Amino acid sequence: MTKHKPAMTRREFIAWGARFLLLGGLASLVTRHGSERRKTQDVCTDPKGYCRTCSALDYCGHPTARSFKAAVKREESRS
């Protein structure tokens, strides 16, 4: 009879599973953090600088755009 060692013990399997779970969580956090930073960049695309008609207003981080979005929010809360 030949004795062979099992490919992976239960304890090793759980340890590897935990490592992959932590690695996946870390990758998720890095991806989310990167997309948040990209989301609020200065991306002014309107040549005249009008925020109301700009297509990039939702994710623009330009100070003028942030001020405009805050003013719009205040106006909506008053109504």
C-alpha atoms as a PDB file:
ATOM      1  CA  MET A   1       0.000   0.000   0.000  1.00  0.00           C
ATOM      2  CA  THR A   2       1.176   3.455  -0.801  1.00  0.00           C
ATOM      3  CA  LYS A   3       0.645   6.256   1.609  1.00  0.00           C
ATOM      4  CA  HIS A   4       0.016   9.603   0.106  1.00  0.00           C
ATOM      5  CA  LYS A   5      -0.379  12.893   1.829  1.00  0.00           C
ATOM      6  CA  PRO A   6      -3.674  14.641   1.134  1.00  0.00           C
ATOM      7  CA  ALA A   7      -3.281  17.629  -1.135  1.00  0.00           C
ATOM      8  CA  MET A   8      -4.539  20.024   1.505  1.00  0.00           C
ATOM      9  CA  THR A   9      -5.715  19.590   5.069  1.00  0.00           C
ATOM     10  CA  ARG A  10      -8.879  21.190   6.349  1.00  0.00           C
ATOM     11  CA  ARG A  11      -6.862  23.707   8.371  1.00  0.00           C
ATOM     12  CA  GLU A  12      -4.785  24.704   5.327  1.00  0.00           C
ATOM     13  CA  PHE A  13      -7.940  25.037   3.252  1.00  0.00           C
ATOM     14  CA  ILE A  14      -9.503  27.412   5.804  1.00  0.00           C
ATOM     15  CA  ALA A  15      -6.277  29.424   6.069  1.00  0.00           C
ATOM     16  CA  TRP A  16      -6.045  29.826   2.288  1.00  0.00           C
ATOM     17  CA  GLY A  17      -9.723  30.733   2.114  1.00  0.00           C
ATOM     18  CA  ALA A  18      -9.235  33.447   4.742  1.00  0.00           C
ATOM     19  CA  ARG A  19      -6.218  34.803   2.840  1.00  0.00           C
ATOM     20  CA  PHE A  20      -8.156  35.007  -0.415  1.00  0.00           C
ATOM     21  CA  LEU A  21     -11.085  36.649   1.363  1.00  0.00           C
ATOM     22  CA  LEU A  22      -8.805  39.295   2.888  1.00  0.00           C
ATOM     23  CA  LEU A  23      -7.041  39.824  -0.430  1.00  0.00           C
ATOM     24  CA  GLY A  24     -10.387  40.300  -2.191  1.00  0.00           C
ATOM     25  CA  GLY A  25     -11.515  42.797   0.450  1.00  0.00           C
ATOM     26  CA  LEU A  26      -8.280  44.735   0.113  1.00  0.00           C
ATOM     27  CA  ALA A  27      -8.607  44.821  -3.671  1.00  0.00           C
ATOM     28  CA  SER A  28     -12.186  46.047  -3.303  1.00  0.00           C
ATOM     29  CA  LEU A  29     -11.139  48.875  -0.970  1.00  0.00           C
ATOM     30  CA  VAL A  30      -8.297  49.937  -3.245  1.00  0.00           C
ATOM     31  CA  THR A  31     -10.595  49.947  -6.264  1.00  0.00           C
ATOM     32  CA  ARG A  32     -13.286  51.950  -4.472  1.00  0.00           C
ATOM     33  CA  HIS A  33     -10.762  54.455  -3.116  1.00  0.00           C
ATOM     34  CA  GLY A  34      -9.257  54.912  -6.583  1.00  0.00           C
ATOM     35  CA  SER A  35     -12.636  55.451  -8.201  1.00  0.00           C
ATOM     36  CA  GLU A  36     -13.620  58.036  -5.539  1.00  0.00           C
ATOM     37  CA  ARG A  37     -10.453  59.994  -6.174  1.00  0.00           C
ATOM     38  CA  ARG A  38     -11.049  59.877  -9.917  1.00  0.00           C
ATOM     39  CA  LYS A  39     -14.647  60.849  -9.410  1.00  0.00           C
ATOM     40  CA  THR A  40     -13.886  64.257  -7.902  1.00  0.00           C
ATOM     41  CA  GLN A  41     -11.183  65.535 -10.206  1.00  0.00           C
ATOM     42  CA  ASP A  42     -11.138  68.888 -11.914  1.00  0.00           C
ATOM     43  CA  VAL A  43     -12.673  67.940 -15.260  1.00  0.00           C
ATOM     44  CA  CYS A  44     -14.170  71.191 -16.535  1.00  0.00           C
ATOM     45  CA  THR A  45     -15.223  70.495 -20.122  1.00  0.00           C
ATOM     46  CA  ASP A  46     -17.487  73.466 -20.807  1.00  0.00           C
ATOM     47  CA  PRO A  47     -15.471  76.098 -22.739  1.00  0.00           C
ATOM     48  CA  LYS A  48     -17.498  78.950 -21.235  1.00  0.00           C
ATOM     49  CA  GLY A  49     -17.391  77.518 -17.718  1.00  0.00           C
ATOM     50  CA  TYR A  50     -21.150  77.162 -17.202  1.00  0.00           C
ATOM     51  CA  CYS A  51     -21.728  74.414 -14.674  1.00  0.00           C
ATOM     52  CA  ARG A  52     -25.475  74.165 -15.300  1.00  0.00           C
ATOM     53  CA  THR A  53     -24.969  72.860 -18.859  1.00  0.00           C
ATOM     54  CA  CYS A  54     -21.808  70.837 -18.236  1.00  0.00           C
ATOM     55  CA  SER A  55     -21.980  67.113 -18.916  1.00  0.00           C
ATOM     56  CA  ALA A  56     -19.326  66.368 -16.260  1.00  0.00           C
ATOM     57  CA  LEU A  57     -21.094  68.182 -13.404  1.00  0.00           C
ATOM     58  CA  ASP A  58     -22.014  65.012 -11.487  1.00  0.00           C
ATOM     59  CA  TYR A  59     -18.390  64.005 -10.907  1.00  0.00           C
ATOM     60  CA  CYS A  60     -16.576  67.334 -11.227  1.00  0.00           C
ATOM     61  CA  GLY A  61     -14.461  68.432  -8.277  1.00  0.00           C
ATOM     62  CA  HIS A  62     -13.680  71.941  -9.492  1.00  0.00           C
ATOM     63  CA  PRO A  63     -14.338  74.535  -6.758  1.00  0.00           C
ATOM     64  CA  THR A  64     -16.823  76.391  -8.954  1.00  0.00           C
ATOM     65  CA  ALA A  65     -18.747  73.179  -9.618  1.00  0.00           C
ATOM     66  CA  ARG A  66     -18.788  72.256  -5.919  1.00  0.00           C
ATOM     67  CA  SER A  67     -20.108  75.716  -5.079  1.00  0.00           C
ATOM     68  CA  PHE A  68     -22.767  75.449  -7.784  1.00  0.00           C
ATOM     69  CA  LYS A  69     -23.896  72.017  -6.552  1.00  0.00           C
ATOM     70  CA  ALA A  70     -24.118  73.327  -2.969  1.00  0.00           C
ATOM     71  CA  ALA A  71     -26.198  76.320  -4.123  1.00  0.00           C
ATOM     72  CA  VAL A  72     -28.549  74.068  -6.071  1.00  0.00           C
ATOM     73  CA  LYS A  73     -28.937  71.810  -3.031  1.00  0.00           C
ATOM     74  CA  ARG A  74     -29.779  74.817  -0.824  1.00  0.00           C
ATOM     75  CA  GLU A  75     -32.363  76.022  -3.321  1.00  0.00           C
ATOM     76  CA  GLU A  76     -33.970  72.581  -3.479  1.00  0.00           C
ATOM     77  CA  SER A  77     -34.150  72.361   0.308  1.00  0.00           C
ATOM     78  CA  ARG A  78     -35.910  75.749   0.496  1.00  0.00           C
ATOM     79  CA  SER A  79     -38.608  74.657  -1.914  1.00  0.00           C
END
